[in-house]
Every structure is written in structure tokens, then in C-alpha cells.
């Protein structure tokens, strides 16, 4: 973690994280796939990309070797903010896996302040037994089916038309409930998921 708490340092960590995310996405790697490829925990890449961790040069070099891109190319790389305005259903970017489909609006979130998802939870789908947290706020509306949302010590089963809104730092989990798949439309800001 970065030892300093100045706003400039926070901005620099976030800029480095956004750059890493853009390079990783351009190479077509998920966080999990890249972490596995280079032999580090997935949480490390997640923390760096969300601006919560400032990696050592050695750690960054190890991660970038999995892309592959050199340190000098990495720092010279200038991601371009996506300019597309409209997206057909088939253009949404799948970032989920298995029974959990997470379709992101836009290929890259570099330079964006919001992440929008269309989520589909097949029967038995779950975001995982270990609850997770990240920077920002998130909200969503259940479109169909039922979903159990746990936020900290609070838990509620939501159905069509029900919604949630919470600070994302609070550990949270989503789990499909009932005899039919569930669909949710959600947004988080900043895009740190």
C-alpha cells in the first residue's frame, strides 16, 4: 500500500491502476487469468487497478511480463477514452464467468467515472462465499427472478422492481435464489470493481 495519503499520491495510484487495467484488457486477460499466469493473488491486481495499492517496481515488472509489455512501454502507453456512445446487446463486454454473466457497457473503462452492468445469475449462481469490497458506491434494480443481497450484516431477498444502493467498501455478496435465473441492472462509481 502507498504510505502517503496525499491527494496527488492517491491520483497517481489510481492513474497507474487505470493504465494497468487498460493494458490488461487490451491484451484480453481477466484479472484472474493474468494473476494465475504470473503467480500472484488476484486480489493484488484488483487492489492495484482500484488505486488502493502502489506496487513495487519488481511486482509491476512481474505483472507486466504476463501481458507482455515492458516497463518503459507501460509508462509510455496512453490509453484512449472510449468514444462510443451506443452499444448493441452483442457489443457488451462479458467480464463474468460460469453461472454469473456480467455484461459491461464499453470495452474499456479508462477515463470513465461509472461502470454499468447487465448481470445474469443462473440457478445457483453466487459471487462467492467470501464477501468483497471496493471503492465507491453501487446501485442496482432487479429485473427478473430473485437475488439475495448481503451488505455487511444486512441481508435481503429482492425480487423484480426491488433495488439496492450502498457504499461499496462494505463487504457484499450476491446470490441467486429461487427456481428461475435472475437479472439485475447495476452501476458503480468509480469503476473499481
C-alpha atoms as a PDB file:
ATOM      1  CA  UNK A   1       0.000   0.000   0.000  1.00  0.00           C
ATOM      2  CA  UNK A   2       1.046   3.540  -0.550  1.00  0.00           C
ATOM      3  CA  UNK A   3       2.436   5.001   2.659  1.00  0.00           C
ATOM      4  CA  UNK A   4       1.426   8.564   1.842  1.00  0.00           C
ATOM      5  CA  UNK A   5      -2.131   9.881   1.947  1.00  0.00           C
ATOM      6  CA  UNK A   6      -1.788  12.995  -0.160  1.00  0.00           C
ATOM      7  CA  UNK A   7      -4.397  13.509  -2.853  1.00  0.00           C
ATOM      8  CA  UNK A   8      -1.661  13.596  -5.534  1.00  0.00           C
ATOM      9  CA  UNK A   9      -0.417  10.176  -4.433  1.00  0.00           C
ATOM     10  CA  UNK A  10      -3.975   8.827  -4.498  1.00  0.00           C
ATOM     11  CA  UNK A  11      -4.395  10.216  -8.023  1.00  0.00           C
ATOM     12  CA  UNK A  12      -1.067   8.698  -9.136  1.00  0.00           C
ATOM     13  CA  UNK A  13      -2.043   5.275  -7.734  1.00  0.00           C
ATOM     14  CA  UNK A  14      -5.418   5.466  -9.493  1.00  0.00           C
ATOM     15  CA  UNK A  15      -3.799   6.566 -12.780  1.00  0.00           C
ATOM     16  CA  UNK A  16      -1.318   3.665 -12.574  1.00  0.00           C
ATOM     17  CA  UNK A  17      -4.191   1.296 -11.804  1.00  0.00           C
ATOM     18  CA  UNK A  18      -6.292   2.573 -14.717  1.00  0.00           C
ATOM     19  CA  UNK A  19      -3.289   2.216 -17.013  1.00  0.00           C
ATOM     20  CA  UNK A  20      -2.722  -1.388 -15.832  1.00  0.00           C
ATOM     21  CA  UNK A  21      -6.381  -2.211 -16.379  1.00  0.00           C
ATOM     22  CA  UNK A  22      -6.300  -0.736 -19.910  1.00  0.00           C
ATOM     23  CA  UNK A  23      -3.125  -2.696 -20.790  1.00  0.00           C
ATOM     24  CA  UNK A  24      -4.559  -5.921 -19.317  1.00  0.00           C
ATOM     25  CA  UNK A  25      -7.882  -5.511 -21.153  1.00  0.00           C
ATOM     26  CA  UNK A  26      -6.115  -4.664 -24.423  1.00  0.00           C
ATOM     27  CA  UNK A  27      -4.199  -7.961 -24.066  1.00  0.00           C
ATOM     28  CA  UNK A  28      -7.510  -9.788 -23.485  1.00  0.00           C
ATOM     29  CA  UNK A  29      -6.749 -11.005 -19.946  1.00  0.00           C
ATOM     30  CA  UNK A  30      -9.146 -11.068 -16.997  1.00  0.00           C
ATOM     31  CA  UNK A  31      -7.685 -10.157 -13.610  1.00  0.00           C
ATOM     32  CA  UNK A  32      -7.852 -13.814 -12.577  1.00  0.00           C
ATOM     33  CA  UNK A  33      -6.187 -15.096 -15.743  1.00  0.00           C
ATOM     34  CA  UNK A  34      -3.312 -12.600 -15.512  1.00  0.00           C
ATOM     35  CA  UNK A  35      -2.822 -13.295 -11.795  1.00  0.00           C
ATOM     36  CA  UNK A  36      -2.683 -17.039 -12.430  1.00  0.00           C
ATOM     37  CA  UNK A  37      -0.294 -16.569 -15.363  1.00  0.00           C
ATOM     38  CA  UNK A  38       2.218 -14.566 -13.276  1.00  0.00           C
ATOM     39  CA  UNK A  39       1.709 -16.420  -9.981  1.00  0.00           C
ATOM     40  CA  UNK A  40       0.315 -13.676  -7.762  1.00  0.00           C
ATOM     41  CA  UNK A  41      -3.018 -13.338  -5.913  1.00  0.00           C
ATOM     42  CA  UNK A  42      -5.930 -11.961  -7.963  1.00  0.00           C
ATOM     43  CA  UNK A  43      -6.560  -9.502  -5.120  1.00  0.00           C
ATOM     44  CA  UNK A  44      -3.176  -7.856  -5.771  1.00  0.00           C
ATOM     45  CA  UNK A  45      -4.128  -6.919  -9.326  1.00  0.00           C
ATOM     46  CA  UNK A  46      -7.550  -5.787  -8.133  1.00  0.00           C
ATOM     47  CA  UNK A  47      -6.011  -3.542  -5.453  1.00  0.00           C
ATOM     48  CA  UNK A  48      -3.551  -2.006  -7.918  1.00  0.00           C
ATOM     49  CA  UNK A  49      -6.235  -1.365 -10.543  1.00  0.00           C
ATOM     50  CA  UNK A  50      -8.530   0.277  -7.999  1.00  0.00           C
ATOM     51  CA  UNK A  51      -5.726   2.593  -6.843  1.00  0.00           C
ATOM     52  CA  UNK A  52      -5.541   1.070  -3.348  1.00  0.00           C
ATOM     53  CA  UNK A  53      -2.038  -0.371  -3.773  1.00  0.00           C
ATOM     54  CA  UNK A  54       1.106   1.099  -5.238  1.00  0.00           C
ATOM     55  CA  UNK A  55       3.202  -1.887  -6.374  1.00  0.00           C
ATOM     56  CA  UNK A  56       6.976  -2.066  -6.182  1.00  0.00           C
ATOM     57  CA  UNK A  57       8.845  -1.871  -9.482  1.00  0.00           C
ATOM     58  CA  UNK A  58       9.622  -5.595  -9.163  1.00  0.00           C
ATOM     59  CA  UNK A  59       5.985  -6.531  -8.607  1.00  0.00           C
ATOM     60  CA  UNK A  60       4.816  -4.359 -11.504  1.00  0.00           C
ATOM     61  CA  UNK A  61       7.512  -5.860 -13.763  1.00  0.00           C
ATOM     62  CA  UNK A  62       6.330  -9.379 -12.857  1.00  0.00           C
ATOM     63  CA  UNK A  63       2.692  -8.495 -13.653  1.00  0.00           C
ATOM     64  CA  UNK A  64       3.579  -6.788 -16.933  1.00  0.00           C
ATOM     65  CA  UNK A  65       5.614  -9.825 -18.050  1.00  0.00           C
ATOM     66  CA  UNK A  66       2.294 -11.695 -18.233  1.00  0.00           C
ATOM     67  CA  UNK A  67       0.794  -9.182 -20.682  1.00  0.00           C
ATOM     68  CA  UNK A  68       3.635  -8.982 -22.084  1.00  0.00           C
ATOM     69  CA  UNK A  69       4.767  -5.344 -22.082  1.00  0.00           C
ATOM     70  CA  UNK A  70       7.972  -3.723 -20.802  1.00  0.00           C
ATOM     71  CA  UNK A  71       8.009  -1.128 -18.021  1.00  0.00           C
ATOM     72  CA  UNK A  72       9.044   1.603 -20.477  1.00  0.00           C
ATOM     73  CA  UNK A  73       6.226   0.670 -22.900  1.00  0.00           C
ATOM     74  CA  UNK A  74       3.783   0.568 -19.974  1.00  0.00           C
ATOM     75  CA  UNK A  75       4.606   4.092 -18.800  1.00  0.00           C
ATOM     76  CA  UNK A  76       4.638   5.401 -22.390  1.00  0.00           C
ATOM     77  CA  UNK A  77       1.248   3.813 -23.132  1.00  0.00           C
ATOM     78  CA  UNK A  78      -1.548   6.382 -23.266  1.00  0.00           C
ATOM     79  CA  UNK A  79      -4.926   4.667 -23.093  1.00  0.00           C
ATOM     80  CA  UNK A  80      -7.624   6.347 -25.111  1.00  0.00           C
ATOM     81  CA  UNK A  81     -11.003   7.005 -23.548  1.00  0.00           C
ATOM     82  CA  UNK A  82     -13.625   5.053 -25.450  1.00  0.00           C
ATOM     83  CA  UNK A  83     -15.758   7.414 -27.543  1.00  0.00           C
ATOM     84  CA  UNK A  84     -18.556   5.014 -28.480  1.00  0.00           C
ATOM     85  CA  UNK A  85     -21.981   6.220 -27.310  1.00  0.00           C
ATOM     86  CA  UNK A  86     -24.385   3.428 -28.254  1.00  0.00           C
ATOM     87  CA  UNK A  87     -23.925  -0.328 -27.772  1.00  0.00           C
ATOM     88  CA  UNK A  88     -25.888  -3.181 -29.325  1.00  0.00           C
ATOM     89  CA  UNK A  89     -26.611  -6.069 -26.942  1.00  0.00           C
ATOM     90  CA  UNK A  90     -23.901  -8.191 -28.584  1.00  0.00           C
ATOM     91  CA  UNK A  91     -21.308  -5.413 -28.073  1.00  0.00           C
ATOM     92  CA  UNK A  92     -21.478  -5.550 -24.267  1.00  0.00           C
ATOM     93  CA  UNK A  93     -18.210  -6.885 -22.804  1.00  0.00           C
ATOM     94  CA  UNK A  94     -18.522 -10.131 -20.808  1.00  0.00           C
ATOM     95  CA  UNK A  95     -16.456  -9.947 -17.616  1.00  0.00           C
ATOM     96  CA  UNK A  96     -18.203 -12.696 -15.644  1.00  0.00           C
ATOM     97  CA  UNK A  97     -17.758 -16.449 -15.821  1.00  0.00           C
ATOM     98  CA  UNK A  98     -19.608 -19.673 -15.254  1.00  0.00           C
ATOM     99  CA  UNK A  99     -23.144 -19.246 -13.954  1.00  0.00           C
ATOM    100  CA  UNK A 100     -22.642 -15.481 -13.483  1.00  0.00           C
ATOM    101  CA  UNK A 101     -22.754 -13.296 -16.581  1.00  0.00           C
ATOM    102  CA  UNK A 102     -21.623  -9.688 -16.104  1.00  0.00           C
ATOM    103  CA  UNK A 103     -22.008  -7.694 -19.309  1.00  0.00           C
ATOM    104  CA  UNK A 104     -20.216  -4.359 -19.081  1.00  0.00           C
ATOM    105  CA  UNK A 105     -21.210  -1.337 -21.140  1.00  0.00           C
ATOM    106  CA  UNK A 106     -17.994  -0.463 -23.001  1.00  0.00           C
ATOM    107  CA  UNK A 107     -14.788  -2.358 -23.605  1.00  0.00           C
ATOM    108  CA  UNK A 108     -12.517  -0.123 -21.537  1.00  0.00           C
ATOM    109  CA  UNK A 109     -13.462   1.975 -18.552  1.00  0.00           C
ATOM    110  CA  UNK A 110     -10.299   4.088 -18.724  1.00  0.00           C
ATOM    111  CA  UNK A 111     -11.187   7.724 -18.134  1.00  0.00           C
ATOM    112  CA  UNK A 112     -14.763   6.871 -17.166  1.00  0.00           C
ATOM    113  CA  UNK A 113     -16.397   7.622 -13.812  1.00  0.00           C
ATOM    114  CA  UNK A 114     -19.141   4.978 -13.972  1.00  0.00           C
ATOM    115  CA  UNK A 115     -19.387   1.234 -14.583  1.00  0.00           C
ATOM    116  CA  UNK A 116     -22.711  -0.127 -15.837  1.00  0.00           C
ATOM    117  CA  UNK A 117     -23.511  -3.863 -15.871  1.00  0.00           C
ATOM    118  CA  UNK A 118     -26.262  -6.180 -17.040  1.00  0.00           C
ATOM    119  CA  UNK A 119     -25.990  -9.126 -14.651  1.00  0.00           C
ATOM    120  CA  UNK A 120     -27.498 -12.586 -15.164  1.00  0.00           C
ATOM    121  CA  UNK A 121     -27.394 -15.126 -12.336  1.00  0.00           C
ATOM    122  CA  UNK A 122     -28.187 -18.658 -13.491  1.00  0.00           C
ATOM    123  CA  UNK A 123     -29.758 -21.030 -10.937  1.00  0.00           C
ATOM    124  CA  UNK A 124     -27.301 -21.436  -8.064  1.00  0.00           C
ATOM    125  CA  UNK A 125     -25.051 -18.536  -9.168  1.00  0.00           C
ATOM    126  CA  UNK A 126     -23.186 -16.683  -6.451  1.00  0.00           C
ATOM    127  CA  UNK A 127     -20.492 -14.008  -6.361  1.00  0.00           C
ATOM    128  CA  UNK A 128     -18.650 -16.209  -3.843  1.00  0.00           C
ATOM    129  CA  UNK A 129     -18.765 -17.170  -0.190  1.00  0.00           C
ATOM    130  CA  UNK A 130     -16.091 -14.606   0.628  1.00  0.00           C
ATOM    131  CA  UNK A 131     -17.679 -11.169   0.556  1.00  0.00           C
ATOM    132  CA  UNK A 132     -15.685  -8.438  -1.172  1.00  0.00           C
ATOM    133  CA  UNK A 133     -15.493  -4.669  -1.031  1.00  0.00           C
ATOM    134  CA  UNK A 134     -14.018  -1.932  -3.209  1.00  0.00           C
ATOM    135  CA  UNK A 135     -14.032   1.847  -3.520  1.00  0.00           C
ATOM    136  CA  UNK A 136     -17.169   3.744  -4.405  1.00  0.00           C
ATOM    137  CA  UNK A 137     -20.909   3.270  -4.394  1.00  0.00           C
ATOM    138  CA  UNK A 138     -23.129   0.850  -6.247  1.00  0.00           C
ATOM    139  CA  UNK A 139     -26.798   0.521  -7.001  1.00  0.00           C
ATOM    140  CA  UNK A 140     -28.972  -1.885  -8.913  1.00  0.00           C
ATOM    141  CA  UNK A 141     -32.514  -2.861  -9.803  1.00  0.00           C
ATOM    142  CA  UNK A 142     -33.708  -6.460 -10.063  1.00  0.00           C
ATOM    143  CA  UNK A 143     -35.321  -7.001 -13.464  1.00  0.00           C
ATOM    144  CA  UNK A 144     -36.370 -10.641 -13.044  1.00  0.00           C
ATOM    145  CA  UNK A 145     -36.007 -13.544 -10.632  1.00  0.00           C
ATOM    146  CA  UNK A 146     -34.909 -13.244  -7.015  1.00  0.00           C
ATOM    147  CA  UNK A 147     -31.499 -12.337  -5.657  1.00  0.00           C
ATOM    148  CA  UNK A 148     -30.195 -12.415  -2.097  1.00  0.00           C
ATOM    149  CA  UNK A 149     -28.057  -9.339  -1.424  1.00  0.00           C
ATOM    150  CA  UNK A 150     -25.818  -9.283   1.649  1.00  0.00           C
ATOM    151  CA  UNK A 151     -24.196  -5.976   2.624  1.00  0.00           C
ATOM    152  CA  UNK A 152     -22.201  -6.147   5.841  1.00  0.00           C
ATOM    153  CA  UNK A 153     -24.554  -7.613   8.450  1.00  0.00           C
ATOM    154  CA  UNK A 154     -27.696  -6.850   6.415  1.00  0.00           C
ATOM    155  CA  UNK A 155     -29.292  -9.441   4.145  1.00  0.00           C
ATOM    156  CA  UNK A 156     -32.414  -9.206   1.994  1.00  0.00           C
ATOM    157  CA  UNK A 157     -34.026 -11.181  -0.822  1.00  0.00           C
ATOM    158  CA  UNK A 158     -35.036  -8.855  -3.648  1.00  0.00           C
ATOM    159  CA  UNK A 159     -37.497  -9.514  -6.480  1.00  0.00           C
ATOM    160  CA  UNK A 160     -38.468  -7.726  -9.704  1.00  0.00           C
ATOM    161  CA  UNK A 161     -38.563  -3.959  -9.249  1.00  0.00           C
ATOM    162  CA  UNK A 162     -36.701  -4.068  -5.910  1.00  0.00           C
ATOM    163  CA  UNK A 163     -33.428  -2.170  -5.679  1.00  0.00           C
ATOM    164  CA  UNK A 164     -30.299  -1.634  -3.590  1.00  0.00           C
ATOM    165  CA  UNK A 165     -27.819   1.205  -3.059  1.00  0.00           C
ATOM    166  CA  UNK A 166     -24.780   1.027  -0.769  1.00  0.00           C
ATOM    167  CA  UNK A 167     -21.198   2.121  -0.182  1.00  0.00           C
ATOM    168  CA  UNK A 168     -19.064  -0.495  -1.925  1.00  0.00           C
ATOM    169  CA  UNK A 169     -16.375  -0.581   0.785  1.00  0.00           C
ATOM    170  CA  UNK A 170     -18.837  -2.538   2.899  1.00  0.00           C
ATOM    171  CA  UNK A 171     -18.234  -6.247   2.183  1.00  0.00           C
ATOM    172  CA  UNK A 172     -21.030  -7.581  -0.017  1.00  0.00           C
ATOM    173  CA  UNK A 173     -22.258 -10.664  -1.835  1.00  0.00           C
ATOM    174  CA  UNK A 174     -24.993 -11.545  -4.362  1.00  0.00           C
ATOM    175  CA  UNK A 175     -26.679 -14.957  -4.647  1.00  0.00           C
ATOM    176  CA  UNK A 176     -29.429 -16.226  -6.953  1.00  0.00           C
ATOM    177  CA  UNK A 177     -32.489 -17.579  -5.103  1.00  0.00           C
ATOM    178  CA  UNK A 178     -35.478 -19.486  -6.461  1.00  0.00           C
ATOM    179  CA  UNK A 179     -36.483 -21.601  -9.457  1.00  0.00           C
ATOM    180  CA  UNK A 180     -35.582 -19.146 -12.247  1.00  0.00           C
ATOM    181  CA  UNK A 181     -32.467 -17.169 -13.265  1.00  0.00           C
ATOM    182  CA  UNK A 182     -32.162 -13.587 -12.013  1.00  0.00           C
ATOM    183  CA  UNK A 183     -31.335 -10.429 -13.937  1.00  0.00           C
ATOM    184  CA  UNK A 184     -30.073  -7.186 -12.448  1.00  0.00           C
ATOM    185  CA  UNK A 185     -29.000  -3.886 -13.995  1.00  0.00           C
ATOM    186  CA  UNK A 186     -26.363  -2.219 -11.831  1.00  0.00           C
ATOM    187  CA  UNK A 187     -23.969   0.711 -11.763  1.00  0.00           C
ATOM    188  CA  UNK A 188     -20.945   1.541  -9.655  1.00  0.00           C
ATOM    189  CA  UNK A 189     -18.843   4.647  -9.377  1.00  0.00           C
ATOM    190  CA  UNK A 190     -15.949   4.928  -9.711  1.00  0.00           C
ATOM    191  CA  UNK A 191     -15.471   1.794 -11.843  1.00  0.00           C
ATOM    192  CA  UNK A 192     -13.347  -0.044  -9.276  1.00  0.00           C
ATOM    193  CA  UNK A 193     -14.975  -3.475  -9.354  1.00  0.00           C
END
